Each structure stands twice: as structure tokens, then as C-alpha cells.
């Protein structure tokens, strides 16, 4: 990281940023074309879970290339100055790289969906077999996590 003065090295602080984030951005690579999509998510240990339809661009790309990157951030807005060229942003961000896999066992799907619900303040829910069969759940096993902040 170029700006070591802004680096977050505390794993707990990075997890707190992830816990507070309302959305994650999933970055994928489809040959020469990058693809980024905002998603709802949940964390459980060293894994991040997302859910989606069983078919679509995101799942097609992940089947060809499961390596991915996730970004979350929060900001309090710009830190202004008399000179606009000196403005900076007050922010916190976390970037995770990892490998995605499709969750096929209903027990893990259920755990993942409850994890996502809890991330957004929801209660546990009993999902039917039919509901579990209709949804695609993707687990991203995180290999590396970096964090950065400024203005806090």
C-alpha cells in the first residue's frame, strides 16, 4: 500500500467496516472485460456470502473464473479547504480478494441466508426447501483483506 499512513492493519477494525457496510461491490474478470456489481451480503468467519438468481452474468463469469474482489466503503463526505485542489475525502474502505464457490448444500445455504438477513437487522427465518432450491448462494473465501481510512 502506497499510503501507509492511511492503512488499517487491525483485522477487527476491517471487520467492523464490513459489518457496517450496507452494500458490497463484487468485481469479476471476464477475459478482457471487468464487471462490477453492487450486492447485499453477509459475513461468517473468513467467508462472505451473497445470493442471487441461479442464472445471469455474474454466475456465468464466476463459473469461468471464480477469483474475485469485494469492496466496501463508507464516507462522511469531503474534507474541504480554501484551495479546491487540497480537498480530500473522509472515508473508510476494505478490499477483499478471494475465491467464489457455489453453495449446493441446503444446510449451508440456510446458514448463509440467515447471515445475510442478520447483516441487515432481520430475524432468523425458516426457508422452505422450495425457496432454498430457487436461490443461488455464493460463498467467497477471503484470501486477503486490506483496509484504508482517512479523516478519522
Protein backbone atom coordinates (compact mmCIF):
# COMPACT_ATOMS: atom_id res chain seq x y z
CA UNK A 1 0.00 0.00 0.00
CA UNK A 2 1.45 3.31 -1.06
CA UNK A 3 -0.10 5.43 1.71
CA UNK A 4 0.98 3.52 4.81
CA UNK A 5 -0.29 6.42 6.95
CA UNK A 6 -3.83 5.53 5.84
CA UNK A 7 -3.53 1.75 6.08
CA UNK A 8 -5.73 -0.16 8.51
CA UNK A 9 -3.77 -3.06 9.96
CA UNK A 10 -6.21 -4.09 12.70
CA UNK A 11 -8.29 -7.03 11.45
CA UNK A 12 -11.08 -6.21 13.91
CA UNK A 13 -11.37 -2.67 12.55
CA UNK A 14 -11.65 -4.01 9.00
CA UNK A 15 -14.36 -6.46 10.11
CA UNK A 16 -16.24 -3.58 11.78
CA UNK A 17 -16.22 -1.67 8.47
CA UNK A 18 -17.56 -4.77 6.70
CA UNK A 19 -20.23 -5.23 9.38
CA UNK A 20 -21.42 -1.64 8.96
CA UNK A 21 -21.42 -1.61 5.16
CA UNK A 22 -24.87 -1.57 3.53
CA UNK A 23 -23.60 -2.93 0.22
CA UNK A 24 -20.56 -4.65 -1.23
CA UNK A 25 -19.25 -4.32 -4.74
CA UNK A 26 -18.20 -7.59 -6.33
CA UNK A 27 -15.53 -7.25 -9.03
CA UNK A 28 -15.13 -10.04 -11.56
CA UNK A 29 -12.98 -10.61 -14.61
CA UNK A 30 -14.45 -11.95 -17.81
CA UNK A 31 -11.44 -12.25 -20.07
CA UNK A 32 -10.57 -8.70 -21.03
CA UNK A 33 -13.76 -7.13 -19.66
CA UNK A 34 -14.08 -6.22 -15.97
CA UNK A 35 -17.51 -6.44 -14.33
CA UNK A 36 -18.56 -4.86 -11.02
CA UNK A 37 -21.93 -5.33 -9.36
CA UNK A 38 -23.32 -3.99 -6.05
CA UNK A 39 -24.84 -6.66 -3.80
CA UNK A 40 -26.34 -7.41 -0.41
CA UNK A 41 -24.06 -9.66 1.63
CA UNK A 42 -23.26 -11.25 4.95
CA UNK A 43 -20.04 -12.32 6.65
CA UNK A 44 -19.42 -15.53 8.55
CA UNK A 45 -15.88 -16.04 9.74
CA UNK A 46 -13.49 -15.89 6.81
CA UNK A 47 -16.24 -16.11 4.22
CA UNK A 48 -18.55 -13.60 2.64
CA UNK A 49 -21.94 -14.75 1.32
CA UNK A 50 -24.08 -13.30 -1.44
CA UNK A 51 -27.30 -14.54 -3.00
CA UNK A 52 -28.70 -14.14 -6.47
CA UNK A 53 -30.71 -15.78 -9.21
CA UNK A 54 -29.29 -19.12 -10.36
CA UNK A 55 -28.59 -17.72 -13.82
CA UNK A 56 -27.13 -14.47 -15.08
CA UNK A 57 -23.97 -12.62 -16.00
CA UNK A 58 -22.45 -12.79 -12.51
CA UNK A 59 -22.89 -16.56 -12.17
CA UNK A 60 -21.69 -17.15 -15.74
CA UNK A 61 -18.47 -15.24 -15.08
CA UNK A 62 -17.87 -16.93 -11.71
CA UNK A 63 -18.25 -20.36 -13.28
CA UNK A 64 -15.46 -19.48 -15.73
CA UNK A 65 -13.28 -17.59 -13.25
CA UNK A 66 -14.01 -17.91 -9.51
CA UNK A 67 -11.33 -15.38 -8.48
CA UNK A 68 -12.94 -12.15 -7.35
CA UNK A 69 -12.58 -8.98 -5.35
CA UNK A 70 -15.04 -7.34 -2.95
CA UNK A 71 -15.01 -3.68 -1.91
CA UNK A 72 -16.98 -1.86 0.81
CA UNK A 73 -16.67 1.73 1.90
CA UNK A 74 -18.21 4.48 3.98
CA UNK A 75 -17.70 8.21 3.80
CA UNK A 76 -18.57 11.29 5.77
CA UNK A 77 -18.00 13.47 2.70
CA UNK A 78 -15.24 15.80 1.58
CA UNK A 79 -12.73 17.50 3.83
CA UNK A 80 -12.79 20.94 2.26
CA UNK A 81 -10.08 23.56 2.07
CA UNK A 82 -9.85 27.11 0.73
CA UNK A 83 -7.95 25.65 -2.20
CA UNK A 84 -10.19 23.11 -4.02
CA UNK A 85 -7.05 21.27 -5.17
CA UNK A 86 -6.41 20.42 -1.50
CA UNK A 87 -9.79 18.82 -0.83
CA UNK A 88 -9.70 15.23 0.38
CA UNK A 89 -12.33 12.66 1.26
CA UNK A 90 -13.09 11.35 4.72
CA UNK A 91 -13.54 7.61 4.21
CA UNK A 92 -13.02 4.05 5.39
CA UNK A 93 -12.72 1.17 2.95
CA UNK A 94 -11.94 -2.53 2.86
CA UNK A 95 -10.96 -4.61 -0.14
CA UNK A 96 -11.02 -8.42 -0.02
CA UNK A 97 -9.74 -10.84 -2.61
CA UNK A 98 -10.85 -14.43 -2.69
CA UNK A 99 -12.31 -17.39 -4.47
CA UNK A 100 -16.02 -17.89 -5.03
CA UNK A 101 -17.83 -21.20 -4.90
CA UNK A 102 -21.47 -22.11 -5.36
CA UNK A 103 -23.15 -23.42 -2.22
CA UNK A 104 -25.13 -26.56 -3.03
CA UNK A 105 -25.97 -28.00 0.39
CA UNK A 106 -29.19 -26.63 1.86
CA UNK A 107 -27.75 -26.55 5.39
CA UNK A 108 -25.03 -24.09 4.34
CA UNK A 109 -27.48 -22.15 2.13
CA UNK A 110 -29.75 -21.69 5.14
CA UNK A 111 -26.84 -20.55 7.33
CA UNK A 112 -25.72 -18.11 4.62
CA UNK A 113 -29.17 -16.62 4.06
CA UNK A 114 -29.67 -16.13 7.79
CA UNK A 115 -26.23 -14.49 7.92
CA UNK A 116 -27.29 -12.07 5.17
CA UNK A 117 -30.61 -11.37 6.95
CA UNK A 118 -28.81 -10.64 10.23
CA UNK A 119 -26.40 -8.28 8.46
CA UNK A 120 -29.40 -6.11 7.64
CA UNK A 121 -31.06 -6.44 11.05
CA UNK A 122 -33.50 -9.18 10.07
CA UNK A 123 -34.63 -12.06 12.21
CA UNK A 124 -33.97 -15.72 11.58
CA UNK A 125 -36.35 -17.18 9.05
CA UNK A 126 -37.33 -20.74 8.21
CA UNK A 127 -36.80 -21.12 4.47
CA UNK A 128 -38.70 -23.87 2.68
CA UNK A 129 -36.93 -26.44 0.54
CA UNK A 130 -38.57 -24.79 -2.47
CA UNK A 131 -37.16 -21.37 -1.52
CA UNK A 132 -33.70 -22.82 -0.96
CA UNK A 133 -33.88 -24.57 -4.32
CA UNK A 134 -34.72 -21.35 -6.18
CA UNK A 135 -31.89 -19.21 -4.84
CA UNK A 136 -28.22 -19.29 -5.72
CA UNK A 137 -25.87 -18.72 -2.79
CA UNK A 138 -22.23 -17.93 -3.40
CA UNK A 139 -19.52 -18.20 -0.76
CA UNK A 140 -16.39 -16.13 -1.21
CA UNK A 141 -13.48 -17.48 0.81
CA UNK A 142 -11.33 -14.47 1.59
CA UNK A 143 -7.59 -14.83 0.97
CA UNK A 144 -6.54 -11.27 1.68
CA UNK A 145 -8.13 -8.23 3.27
CA UNK A 146 -6.76 -4.69 3.23
CA UNK A 147 -8.18 -1.54 4.73
CA UNK A 148 -7.65 2.15 4.37
CA UNK A 149 -9.04 5.26 6.06
CA UNK A 150 -8.56 9.00 6.14
CA UNK A 151 -10.00 11.79 8.22
CA UNK A 152 -10.95 9.73 11.27
